[in-house]
Amino acid sequence: MLPAGSHGRRRKKMPKWQQSRRTDHCFVQKLQGLLNKNMRIRMTDSRTLVGLFLCTDRDCNVILGSVQEFLKSADTFSQTEPRVLGLAMIPGHHVVSIEAEADILDDAVRH
């Protein structure tokens, strides 16, 4: 007996290579939406890098432009001065977390 509404038709299962291509396309679109956006990357050695997201690769290496490096100080309440790095390549195995920053400066100027 066939399930109601199927009318004898079976759905064709999409080949795995097409399924992975479809999900890859979704990830590529998300990454393209993040291009030239400010990103904050926390690294395994407790440094934080902030800069413009320029590109990545299959190994999760990330290239940021206009990078500032913030060191984690022993006193968590003190604010350290950032060090300007310029262009930086962050190896994927050193990345702990990545955050896309909101355009805080643009919002402050509008208000």
PDB file of N, CA and C in Angstrom:
ATOM      1  N   MET A   1       0.841  -1.180   0.000  1.00  0.00           N
ATOM      2  CA  MET A   1       0.000   0.000   0.000  1.00  0.00           C
ATOM      3  C   MET A   1       0.887   1.244   0.000  1.00  0.00           C
ATOM      4  N   LEU A   2       0.500   2.232  -0.792  1.00  0.00           N
ATOM      5  CA  LEU A   2       1.269   3.464  -0.906  1.00  0.00           C
ATOM      6  C   LEU A   2       0.783   4.497   0.102  1.00  0.00           C
ATOM      7  N   PRO A   3       1.678   5.324   0.605  1.00  0.00           N
ATOM      8  CA  PRO A   3       1.260   6.394   1.507  1.00  0.00           C
ATOM      9  C   PRO A   3       0.331   7.370   0.794  1.00  0.00           C
ATOM     10  N   ALA A   4      -0.552   7.984   1.573  1.00  0.00           N
ATOM     11  CA  ALA A   4      -1.515   8.928   1.001  1.00  0.00           C
ATOM     12  C   ALA A   4      -0.779  10.074   0.334  1.00  0.00           C
ATOM     13  N   GLY A   5      -1.221  10.447  -0.855  1.00  0.00           N
ATOM     14  CA  GLY A   5      -0.668  11.590  -1.565  1.00  0.00           C
ATOM     15  C   GLY A   5       0.556  11.275  -2.401  1.00  0.00           C
ATOM     16  N   SER A   6       1.036  10.030  -2.384  1.00  0.00           N
ATOM     17  CA  SER A   6       2.251   9.727  -3.149  1.00  0.00           C
ATOM     18  C   SER A   6       1.924   9.372  -4.592  1.00  0.00           C
ATOM     19  N   HIS A   7       0.748   8.863  -4.859  1.00  0.00           N
ATOM     20  CA  HIS A   7       0.272   8.528  -6.205  1.00  0.00           C
ATOM     21  C   HIS A   7       1.257   7.665  -6.971  1.00  0.00           C
ATOM     22  N   GLY A   8       1.959   6.797  -6.260  1.00  0.00           N
ATOM     23  CA  GLY A   8       2.835   5.848  -6.926  1.00  0.00           C
ATOM     24  C   GLY A   8       4.181   6.429  -7.352  1.00  0.00           C
ATOM     25  N   ARG A   9       4.440   7.705  -7.104  1.00  0.00           N
ATOM     26  CA  ARG A   9       5.717   8.307  -7.506  1.00  0.00           C
ATOM     27  C   ARG A   9       6.726   8.196  -6.363  1.00  0.00           C
ATOM     28  N   ARG A  10       7.917   7.889  -6.708  1.00  0.00           N
ATOM     29  CA  ARG A  10       9.000   7.866  -5.721  1.00  0.00           C
ATOM     30  C   ARG A  10       9.902   9.063  -5.979  1.00  0.00           C
ATOM     31  N   ARG A  11      10.358   9.654  -4.885  1.00  0.00           N
ATOM     32  CA  ARG A  11      11.300  10.757  -5.022  1.00  0.00           C
ATOM     33  C   ARG A  11      12.658  10.188  -5.389  1.00  0.00           C
ATOM     34  N   LYS A  12      13.281  10.812  -6.364  1.00  0.00           N
ATOM     35  CA  LYS A  12      14.630  10.404  -6.719  1.00  0.00           C
ATOM     36  C   LYS A  12      15.583  10.950  -5.674  1.00  0.00           C
ATOM     37  N   LYS A  13      16.468  10.109  -5.256  1.00  0.00           N
ATOM     38  CA  LYS A  13      17.471  10.532  -4.294  1.00  0.00           C
ATOM     39  C   LYS A  13      18.611  11.211  -5.045  1.00  0.00           C
ATOM     40  N   MET A  14      19.005  12.385  -4.556  1.00  0.00           N
ATOM     41  CA  MET A  14      20.069  13.143  -5.187  1.00  0.00           C
ATOM     42  C   MET A  14      21.406  12.468  -4.895  1.00  0.00           C
ATOM     43  N   PRO A  15      22.269  12.340  -5.905  1.00  0.00           N
ATOM     44  CA  PRO A  15      23.593  11.748  -5.656  1.00  0.00           C
ATOM     45  C   PRO A  15      24.364  12.555  -4.617  1.00  0.00           C
ATOM     46  N   LYS A  16      25.238  11.853  -3.871  1.00  0.00           N
ATOM     47  CA  LYS A  16      25.982  12.507  -2.786  1.00  0.00           C
ATOM     48  C   LYS A  16      26.835  13.655  -3.290  1.00  0.00           C
ATOM     49  N   TRP A  17      27.430  13.536  -4.486  1.00  0.00           N
ATOM     50  CA  TRP A  17      28.284  14.613  -4.975  1.00  0.00           C
ATOM     51  C   TRP A  17      27.463  15.873  -5.237  1.00  0.00           C
ATOM     52  N   GLN A  18      26.197  15.725  -5.636  1.00  0.00           N
ATOM     53  CA  GLN A  18      25.343  16.898  -5.841  1.00  0.00           C
ATOM     54  C   GLN A  18      24.911  17.485  -4.506  1.00  0.00           C
ATOM     55  N   GLN A  19      24.666  16.632  -3.502  1.00  0.00           N
ATOM     56  CA  GLN A  19      24.299  17.122  -2.176  1.00  0.00           C
ATOM     57  C   GLN A  19      25.439  17.939  -1.581  1.00  0.00           C
ATOM     58  N   SER A  20      26.664  17.434  -1.677  1.00  0.00           N
ATOM     59  CA  SER A  20      27.797  18.170  -1.115  1.00  0.00           C
ATOM     60  C   SER A  20      28.045  19.458  -1.888  1.00  0.00           C
ATOM     61  N   ARG A  21      27.813  19.455  -3.182  1.00  0.00           N
ATOM     62  CA  ARG A  21      27.984  20.669  -3.986  1.00  0.00           C
ATOM     63  C   ARG A  21      26.975  21.727  -3.556  1.00  0.00           C
ATOM     64  N   ARG A  22      25.754  21.302  -3.233  1.00  0.00           N
ATOM     65  CA  ARG A  22      24.715  22.241  -2.799  1.00  0.00           C
ATOM     66  C   ARG A  22      25.074  22.864  -1.451  1.00  0.00           C
ATOM     67  N   THR A  23      25.546  22.050  -0.487  1.00  0.00           N
ATOM     68  CA  THR A  23      25.929  22.601   0.812  1.00  0.00           C
ATOM     69  C   THR A  23      27.178  23.458   0.688  1.00  0.00           C
ATOM     70  N   ASP A  24      28.119  23.072  -0.174  1.00  0.00           N
ATOM     71  CA  ASP A  24      29.300  23.901  -0.414  1.00  0.00           C
ATOM     72  C   ASP A  24      28.884  25.267  -0.939  1.00  0.00           C
ATOM     73  N   HIS A  25      27.917  25.293  -1.831  1.00  0.00           N
ATOM     74  CA  HIS A  25      27.435  26.554  -2.403  1.00  0.00           C
ATOM     75  C   HIS A  25      26.856  27.454  -1.301  1.00  0.00           C
ATOM     76  N   CYS A  26      26.142  26.878  -0.347  1.00  0.00           N
ATOM     77  CA  CYS A  26      25.584  27.662   0.767  1.00  0.00           C
ATOM     78  C   CYS A  26      26.694  28.264   1.614  1.00  0.00           C
ATOM     79  N   PHE A  27      27.731  27.461   1.897  1.00  0.00           N
ATOM     80  CA  PHE A  27      28.853  27.968   2.690  1.00  0.00           C
ATOM     81  C   PHE A  27      29.593  29.066   1.947  1.00  0.00           C
ATOM     82  N   VAL A  28      29.769  28.896   0.648  1.00  0.00           N
ATOM     83  CA  VAL A  28      30.462  29.908  -0.153  1.00  0.00           C
ATOM     84  C   VAL A  28      29.683  31.214  -0.129  1.00  0.00           C
ATOM     85  N   GLN A  29      28.358  31.138  -0.243  1.00  0.00           N
ATOM     86  CA  GLN A  29      27.537  32.348  -0.189  1.00  0.00           C
ATOM     87  C   GLN A  29      27.673  33.051   1.159  1.00  0.00           C
ATOM     88  N   LYS A  30      27.688  32.286   2.249  1.00  0.00           N
ATOM     89  CA  LYS A  30      27.848  32.888   3.582  1.00  0.00           C
ATOM     90  C   LYS A  30      29.206  33.568   3.714  1.00  0.00           C
ATOM     91  N   LEU A  31      30.248  32.902   3.237  1.00  0.00           N
ATOM     92  CA  LEU A  31      31.585  33.486   3.304  1.00  0.00           C
ATOM     93  C   LEU A  31      31.684  34.739   2.434  1.00  0.00           C
ATOM     94  N   GLN A  32      31.060  34.717   1.261  1.00  0.00           N
ATOM     95  CA  GLN A  32      31.077  35.903   0.403  1.00  0.00           C
ATOM     96  C   GLN A  32      30.386  37.076   1.078  1.00  0.00           C
ATOM     97  N   GLY A  33      29.356  36.811   1.865  1.00  0.00           N
ATOM     98  CA  GLY A  33      28.665  37.865   2.600  1.00  0.00           C
ATOM     99  C   GLY A  33      29.534  38.475   3.694  1.00  0.00           C
ATOM    100  N   LEU A  34      30.551  37.743   4.138  1.00  0.00           N
ATOM    101  CA  LEU A  34      31.444  38.242   5.189  1.00  0.00           C
ATOM    102  C   LEU A  34      32.670  38.966   4.643  1.00  0.00           C
ATOM    103  N   LEU A  35      32.887  38.920   3.333  1.00  0.00           N
ATOM    104  CA  LEU A  35      34.051  39.581   2.746  1.00  0.00           C
ATOM    105  C   LEU A  35      34.059  41.069   3.080  1.00  0.00           C
ATOM    106  N   ASN A  36      35.223  41.569   3.436  1.00  0.00           N
ATOM    107  CA  ASN A  36      35.453  42.977   3.787  1.00  0.00           C
ATOM    108  C   ASN A  36      34.665  43.432   5.011  1.00  0.00           C
ATOM    109  N   LYS A  37      34.264  42.486   5.841  1.00  0.00           N
ATOM    110  CA  LYS A  37      33.618  42.811   7.120  1.00  0.00           C
ATOM    111  C   LYS A  37      34.657  42.653   8.224  1.00  0.00           C
ATOM    112  N   ASN A  38      34.479  43.415   9.294  1.00  0.00           N
ATOM    113  CA  ASN A  38      35.379  43.287  10.437  1.00  0.00           C
ATOM    114  C   ASN A  38      35.172  41.944  11.114  1.00  0.00           C
ATOM    115  N   MET A  39      36.286  41.270  11.395  1.00  0.00           N
ATOM    116  CA  MET A  39      36.251  39.980  12.066  1.00  0.00           C
ATOM    117  C   MET A  39      37.144  40.050  13.288  1.00  0.00           C
ATOM    118  N   ARG A  40      36.746  39.323  14.328  1.00  0.00           N
ATOM    119  CA  ARG A  40      37.564  39.178  15.538  1.00  0.00           C
ATOM    120  C   ARG A  40      37.919  37.701  15.637  1.00  0.00           C
ATOM    121  N   ILE A  41      39.215  37.414  15.648  1.00  0.00           N
ATOM    122  CA  ILE A  41      39.684  36.033  15.729  1.00  0.00           C
ATOM    123  C   ILE A  41      40.464  35.863  17.022  1.00  0.00           C
ATOM    124  N   ARG A  42      40.020  34.916  17.848  1.00  0.00           N
ATOM    125  CA  ARG A  42      40.747  34.568  19.069  1.00  0.00           C
ATOM    126  C   ARG A  42      41.634  33.373  18.741  1.00  0.00           C
ATOM    127  N   MET A  43      42.877  33.440  19.217  1.00  0.00           N
ATOM    128  CA  MET A  43      43.854  32.421  18.871  1.00  0.00           C
ATOM    129  C   MET A  43      44.227  31.570  20.086  1.00  0.00           C
ATOM    130  N   THR A  44      44.877  30.441  19.831  1.00  0.00           N
ATOM    131  CA  THR A  44      45.227  29.496  20.889  1.00  0.00           C
ATOM    132  C   THR A  44      46.169  30.085  21.928  1.00  0.00           C
ATOM    133  N   ASP A  45      46.963  31.089  21.556  1.00  0.00           N
ATOM    134  CA  ASP A  45      47.898  31.703  22.503  1.00  0.00           C
ATOM    135  C   ASP A  45      47.293  32.909  23.217  1.00  0.00           C
ATOM    136  N   SER A  46      45.968  33.024  23.184  1.00  0.00           N
ATOM    137  CA  SER A  46      45.154  34.048  23.857  1.00  0.00           C
ATOM    138  C   SER A  46      45.250  35.438  23.232  1.00  0.00           C
ATOM    139  N   ARG A  47      45.886  35.555  22.064  1.00  0.00           N
ATOM    140  CA  ARG A  47      45.855  36.829  21.348  1.00  0.00           C
ATOM    141  C   ARG A  47      44.528  36.959  20.620  1.00  0.00           C
ATOM    142  N   THR A  48      44.127  38.203  20.367  1.00  0.00           N
ATOM    143  CA  THR A  48      42.934  38.485  19.579  1.00  0.00           C
ATOM    144  C   THR A  48      43.342  39.387  18.427  1.00  0.00           C
ATOM    145  N   LEU A  49      42.962  39.001  17.213  1.00  0.00           N
ATOM    146  CA  LEU A  49      43.237  39.805  16.026  1.00  0.00           C
ATOM    147  C   LEU A  49      41.924  40.343  15.486  1.00  0.00           C
ATOM    148  N   VAL A  50      41.914  41.620  15.147  1.00  0.00           N
ATOM    149  CA  VAL A  50      40.727  42.258  14.585  1.00  0.00           C
ATOM    150  C   VAL A  50      41.130  42.879  13.263  1.00  0.00           C
ATOM    151  N   GLY A  51      40.374  42.554  12.206  1.00  0.00           N
ATOM    152  CA  GLY A  51      40.685  43.109  10.897  1.00  0.00           C
ATOM    153  C   GLY A  51      39.623  42.753   9.881  1.00  0.00           C
ATOM    154  N   LEU A  52      39.842  43.174   8.639  1.00  0.00           N
ATOM    155  CA  LEU A  52      38.900  42.914   7.556  1.00  0.00           C
ATOM    156  C   LEU A  52      39.123  41.518   6.994  1.00  0.00           C
ATOM    157  N   PHE A  53      38.047  40.754   6.876  1.00  0.00           N
ATOM    158  CA  PHE A  53      38.117  39.404   6.330  1.00  0.00           C
ATOM    159  C   PHE A  53      38.338  39.497   4.826  1.00  0.00           C
ATOM    160  N   LEU A  54      39.463  38.951   4.354  1.00  0.00           N
ATOM    161  CA  LEU A  54      39.792  39.013   2.932  1.00  0.00           C
ATOM    162  C   LEU A  54      39.631  37.670   2.236  1.00  0.00           C
ATOM    163  N   CYS A  55      40.080  36.581   2.875  1.00  0.00           N
ATOM    164  CA  CYS A  55      39.898  35.270   2.246  1.00  0.00           C
ATOM    165  C   CYS A  55      40.223  34.152   3.225  1.00  0.00           C
ATOM    166  N   THR A  56      39.874  32.945   2.806  1.00  0.00           N
ATOM    167  CA  THR A  56      40.180  31.733   3.557  1.00  0.00           C
ATOM    168  C   THR A  56      40.456  30.624   2.558  1.00  0.00           C
ATOM    169  N   ASP A  57      40.873  29.471   3.048  1.00  0.00           N
ATOM    170  CA  ASP A  57      41.110  28.332   2.170  1.00  0.00           C
ATOM    171  C   ASP A  57      40.552  27.064   2.806  1.00  0.00           C
ATOM    172  N   ARG A  58      40.774  25.939   2.163  1.00  0.00           N
ATOM    173  CA  ARG A  58      40.219  24.666   2.646  1.00  0.00           C
ATOM    174  C   ARG A  58      40.785  24.244   3.996  1.00  0.00           C
ATOM    175  N   ASP A  59      41.966  24.740   4.333  1.00  0.00           N
ATOM    176  CA  ASP A  59      42.592  24.396   5.613  1.00  0.00           C
ATOM    177  C   ASP A  59      42.168  25.339   6.725  1.00  0.00           C
ATOM    178  N   CYS A  60      41.219  26.205   6.459  1.00  0.00           N
ATOM    179  CA  CYS A  60      40.696  27.192   7.411  1.00  0.00           C
ATOM    180  C   CYS A  60      41.723  28.257   7.792  1.00  0.00           C
ATOM    181  N   ASN A  61      42.753  28.433   6.973  1.00  0.00           N
ATOM    182  CA  ASN A  61      43.642  29.566   7.161  1.00  0.00           C
ATOM    183  C   ASN A  61      42.857  30.821   6.778  1.00  0.00           C
ATOM    184  N   VAL A  62      43.098  31.903   7.494  1.00  0.00           N
ATOM    185  CA  VAL A  62      42.336  33.134   7.264  1.00  0.00           C
ATOM    186  C   VAL A  62      43.306  34.268   6.984  1.00  0.00           C
ATOM    187  N   ILE A  63      42.965  35.115   6.023  1.00  0.00           N
ATOM    188  CA  ILE A  63      43.747  36.317   5.759  1.00  0.00           C
ATOM    189  C   ILE A  63      42.898  37.519   6.134  1.00  0.00           C
ATOM    190  N   LEU A  64      43.460  38.348   7.009  1.00  0.00           N
ATOM    191  CA  LEU A  64      42.812  39.589   7.445  1.00  0.00           C
ATOM    192  C   LEU A  64      43.663  40.769   7.006  1.00  0.00           C
ATOM    193  N   GLY A  65      42.995  41.858   6.670  1.00  0.00           N
ATOM    194  CA  GLY A  65      43.683  43.098   6.333  1.00  0.00           C
ATOM    195  C   GLY A  65      43.440  44.141   7.406  1.00  0.00           C
ATOM    196  N   SER A  66      44.312  45.132   7.480  1.00  0.00           N
ATOM    197  CA  SER A  66      44.222  46.212   8.474  1.00  0.00           C
ATOM    198  C   SER A  66      44.077  45.641   9.885  1.00  0.00           C
ATOM    199  N   VAL A  67      44.944  44.709  10.213  1.00  0.00           N
ATOM    200  CA  VAL A  67      44.829  43.946  11.466  1.00  0.00           C
ATOM    201  C   VAL A  67      45.434  44.709  12.643  1.00  0.00           C
ATOM    202  N   GLN A  68      44.724  44.616  13.757  1.00  0.00           N
ATOM    203  CA  GLN A  68      45.232  45.073  15.043  1.00  0.00           C
ATOM    204  C   GLN A  68      45.272  43.857  15.965  1.00  0.00           C
ATOM    205  N   GLU A  69      46.364  43.742  16.714  1.00  0.00           N
ATOM    206  CA  GLU A  69      46.549  42.620  17.630  1.00  0.00           C
ATOM    207  C   GLU A  69      46.346  43.117  19.061  1.00  0.00           C
ATOM    208  N   PHE A  70      45.544  42.375  19.814  1.00  0.00           N
ATOM    209  CA  PHE A  70      45.306  42.683  21.218  1.00  0.00           C
ATOM    210  C   PHE A  70      45.829  41.522  22.041  1.00  0.00           C
ATOM    211  N   LEU A  71      46.688  41.839  23.022  1.00  0.00           N
ATOM    212  CA  LEU A  71      47.228  40.811  23.907  1.00  0.00           C
ATOM    213  C   LEU A  71      46.363  40.718  25.149  1.00  0.00           C
ATOM    214  N   LYS A  72      46.183  39.515  25.642  1.00  0.00           N
ATOM    215  CA  LYS A  72      45.426  39.333  26.882  1.00  0.00           C
ATOM    216  C   LYS A  72      46.377  39.614  28.038  1.00  0.00           C
ATOM    217  N   SER A  73      46.008  40.607  28.857  1.00  0.00           N
ATOM    218  CA  SER A  73      46.871  40.948  29.986  1.00  0.00           C
ATOM    219  C   SER A  73      46.465  40.154  31.218  1.00  0.00           C
ATOM    220  N   ALA A  74      47.351  40.110  32.202  1.00  0.00           N
ATOM    221  CA  ALA A  74      47.065  39.392  33.448  1.00  0.00           C
ATOM    222  C   ALA A  74      45.918  40.056  34.191  1.00  0.00           C
ATOM    223  N   ASP A  75      45.864  41.381  34.113  1.00  0.00           N
ATOM    224  CA  ASP A  75      44.770  42.130  34.736  1.00  0.00           C
ATOM    225  C   ASP A  75      43.663  42.269  33.693  1.00  0.00           C
ATOM    226  N   THR A  76      42.572  41.534  33.848  1.00  0.00           N
ATOM    227  CA  THR A  76      41.522  41.498  32.836  1.00  0.00           C
ATOM    228  C   THR A  76      40.767  42.820  32.717  1.00  0.00           C
ATOM    229  N   PHE A  77      40.926  43.720  33.710  1.00  0.00           N
ATOM    230  CA  PHE A  77      40.198  44.992  33.648  1.00  0.00           C
ATOM    231  C   PHE A  77      40.968  46.065  32.882  1.00  0.00           C
ATOM    232  N   SER A  78      42.269  45.887  32.707  1.00  0.00           N
ATOM    233  CA  SER A  78      43.035  46.906  31.994  1.00  0.00           C
ATOM    234  C   SER A  78      42.948  46.666  30.492  1.00  0.00           C
ATOM    235  N   GLN A  79      42.882  47.739  29.757  1.00  0.00           N
ATOM    236  CA  GLN A  79      42.791  47.671  28.302  1.00  0.00           C
ATOM    237  C   GLN A  79      44.195  47.846  27.725  1.00  0.00           C
ATOM    238  N   THR A  80      44.663  46.879  26.954  1.00  0.00           N
ATOM    239  CA  THR A  80      45.982  46.989  26.354  1.00  0.00           C
ATOM    240  C   THR A  80      45.893  47.771  25.051  1.00  0.00           C
ATOM    241  N   GLU A  81      46.987  48.445  24.718  1.00  0.00           N
ATOM    242  CA  GLU A  81      47.053  49.165  23.444  1.00  0.00           C
ATOM    243  C   GLU A  81      47.207  48.146  22.319  1.00  0.00           C
ATOM    244  N   PRO A  82      46.453  48.331  21.238  1.00  0.00           N
ATOM    245  CA  PRO A  82      46.592  47.383  20.128  1.00  0.00           C
ATOM    246  C   PRO A  82      47.904  47.616  19.374  1.00  0.00           C
ATOM    247  N   ARG A  83      48.414  46.558  18.788  1.00  0.00           N
ATOM    248  CA  ARG A  83      49.590  46.642  17.931  1.00  0.00           C
ATOM    249  C   ARG A  83      49.113  46.487  16.498  1.00  0.00           C
ATOM    250  N   VAL A  84      49.497  47.392  15.614  1.00  0.00           N
ATOM    251  CA  VAL A  84      49.074  47.349  14.215  1.00  0.00           C
ATOM    252  C   VAL A  84      49.955  46.373  13.455  1.00  0.00           C
ATOM    253  N   LEU A  85      49.315  45.392  12.810  1.00  0.00           N
ATOM    254  CA  LEU A  85      50.044  44.386  12.042  1.00  0.00           C
ATOM    255  C   LEU A  85      49.906  44.605  10.541  1.00  0.00           C
ATOM    256  N   GLY A  86      48.807  45.190  10.096  1.00  0.00           N
ATOM    257  CA  GLY A  86      48.566  45.348   8.660  1.00  0.00           C
ATOM    258  C   GLY A  86      47.895  44.098   8.109  1.00  0.00           C
ATOM    259  N   LEU A  87      48.574  43.392   7.194  1.00  0.00           N
ATOM    260  CA  LEU A  87      48.041  42.181   6.581  1.00  0.00           C
ATOM    261  C   LEU A  87      48.555  40.970   7.358  1.00  0.00           C
ATOM    262  N   ALA A  88      47.652  40.030   7.691  1.00  0.00           N
ATOM    263  CA  ALA A  88      48.064  38.865   8.478  1.00  0.00           C
ATOM    264  C   ALA A  88      47.390  37.601   7.970  1.00  0.00           C
ATOM    265  N   MET A  89      48.164  36.507   8.000  1.00  0.00           N
ATOM    266  CA  MET A  89      47.621  35.190   7.698  1.00  0.00           C
ATOM    267  C   MET A  89      47.602  34.408   9.000  1.00  0.00           C
ATOM    268  N   ILE A  90      46.414  33.937   9.373  1.00  0.00           N
ATOM    269  CA  ILE A  90      46.243  33.188  10.611  1.00  0.00           C
ATOM    270  C   ILE A  90      46.064  31.715  10.246  1.00  0.00           C
ATOM    271  N   PRO A  91      46.988  30.853  10.674  1.00  0.00           N
ATOM    272  CA  PRO A  91      46.827  29.421  10.388  1.00  0.00           C
ATOM    273  C   PRO A  91      45.570  28.867  11.058  1.00  0.00           C
ATOM    274  N   GLY A  92      44.835  28.051  10.332  1.00  0.00           N
ATOM    275  CA  GLY A  92      43.575  27.524  10.835  1.00  0.00           C
ATOM    276  C   GLY A  92      43.704  26.761  12.143  1.00  0.00           C
ATOM    277  N   HIS A  93      44.812  26.080  12.360  1.00  0.00           N
ATOM    278  CA  HIS A  93      44.963  25.289  13.586  1.00  0.00           C
ATOM    279  C   HIS A  93      45.205  26.167  14.810  1.00  0.00           C
ATOM    280  N   HIS A  94      45.427  27.472  14.630  1.00  0.00           N
ATOM    281  CA  HIS A  94      45.589  28.394  15.760  1.00  0.00           C
ATOM    282  C   HIS A  94      44.298  29.146  16.094  1.00  0.00           C
ATOM    283  N   VAL A  95      43.265  28.970  15.283  1.00  0.00           N
ATOM    284  CA  VAL A  95      42.007  29.696  15.480  1.00  0.00           C
ATOM    285  C   VAL A  95      41.165  28.989  16.526  1.00  0.00           C
ATOM    286  N   VAL A  96      40.757  29.754  17.554  1.00  0.00           N
ATOM    287  CA  VAL A  96      39.861  29.228  18.586  1.00  0.00           C
ATOM    288  C   VAL A  96      38.428  29.626  18.260  1.00  0.00           C
ATOM    289  N   SER A  97      38.219  30.905  17.905  1.00  0.00           N
ATOM    290  CA  SER A  97      36.881  31.371  17.546  1.00  0.00           C
ATOM    291  C   SER A  97      36.980  32.533  16.571  1.00  0.00           C
ATOM    292  N   ILE A  98      35.927  32.688  15.791  1.00  0.00           N
ATOM    293  CA  ILE A  98      35.825  33.792  14.832  1.00  0.00           C
ATOM    294  C   ILE A  98      34.476  34.450  15.031  1.00  0.00           C
ATOM    295  N   GLU A  99      34.490  35.769  15.121  1.00  0.00           N
ATOM    296  CA  GLU A  99      33.250  36.535  15.250  1.00  0.00           C
ATOM    297  C   GLU A  99      33.227  37.623  14.194  1.00  0.00           C
ATOM    298  N   ALA A 100      32.074  37.822  13.598  1.00  0.00           N
ATOM    299  CA  ALA A 100      31.882  38.955  12.692  1.00  0.00           C
ATOM    300  C   ALA A 100      31.397  40.118  13.537  1.00  0.00           C
ATOM    301  N   GLU A 101      32.101  41.246  13.453  1.00  0.00           N
ATOM    302  CA  GLU A 101      31.731  42.410  14.251  1.00  0.00           C
ATOM    303  C   GLU A 101      30.658  43.213  13.539  1.00  0.00           C
ATOM    304  N   ALA A 102      29.754  43.778  14.323  1.00  0.00           N
ATOM    305  CA  ALA A 102      28.763  44.703  13.777  1.00  0.00           C
ATOM    306  C   ALA A 102      29.467  46.012  13.453  1.00  0.00           C
ATOM    307  N   ASP A 103      28.888  46.777  12.572  1.00  0.00           N
ATOM    308  CA  ASP A 103      29.480  48.064  12.213  1.00  0.00           C
ATOM    309  C   ASP A 103      29.179  49.075  13.304  1.00  0.00           C
ATOM    310  N   ILE A 104      29.890  48.956  14.414  1.00  0.00           N
ATOM    311  CA  ILE A 104      29.652  49.790  15.587  1.00  0.00           C
ATOM    312  C   ILE A 104      29.949  51.254  15.283  1.00  0.00           C
ATOM    313  N   LEU A 105      31.026  51.504  14.562  1.00  0.00           N
ATOM    314  CA  LEU A 105      31.393  52.885  14.267  1.00  0.00           C
ATOM    315  C   LEU A 105      30.343  53.566  13.398  1.00  0.00           C
ATOM    316  N   ASP A 106      29.814  52.845  12.418  1.00  0.00           N
ATOM    317  CA  ASP A 106      28.771  53.423  11.565  1.00  0.00           C
ATOM    318  C   ASP A 106      27.537  53.771  12.367  1.00  0.00           C
ATOM    319  N   ASP A 107      27.153  52.900  13.305  1.00  0.00           N
ATOM    320  CA  ASP A 107      25.982  53.161  14.142  1.00  0.00           C
ATOM    321  C   ASP A 107      26.214  54.365  15.038  1.00  0.00           C
ATOM    322  N   ALA A 108      27.414  54.508  15.574  1.00  0.00           N
ATOM    323  CA  ALA A 108      27.722  55.635  16.468  1.00  0.00           C
ATOM    324  C   ALA A 108      27.670  56.947  15.708  1.00  0.00           C
ATOM    325  N   VAL A 109      28.112  56.970  14.481  1.00  0.00           N
ATOM    326  CA  VAL A 109      28.108  58.189  13.673  1.00  0.00           C
ATOM    327  C   VAL A 109      26.675  58.603  13.337  1.00  0.00           C
ATOM    328  N   ARG A 110      25.807  57.644  13.082  1.00  0.00           N
ATOM    329  CA  ARG A 110      24.414  57.951  12.719  1.00  0.00           C
ATOM    330  C   ARG A 110      23.634  58.538  13.873  1.00  0.00           C
ATOM    331  N   HIS A 111      23.987  58.186  15.120  1.00  0.00           N
ATOM    332  CA  HIS A 111      23.203  58.656  16.286  1.00  0.00           C
ATOM    333  C   HIS A 111      23.700  59.927  16.826  1.00  0.00           C
TER     334      HIS A 111
END
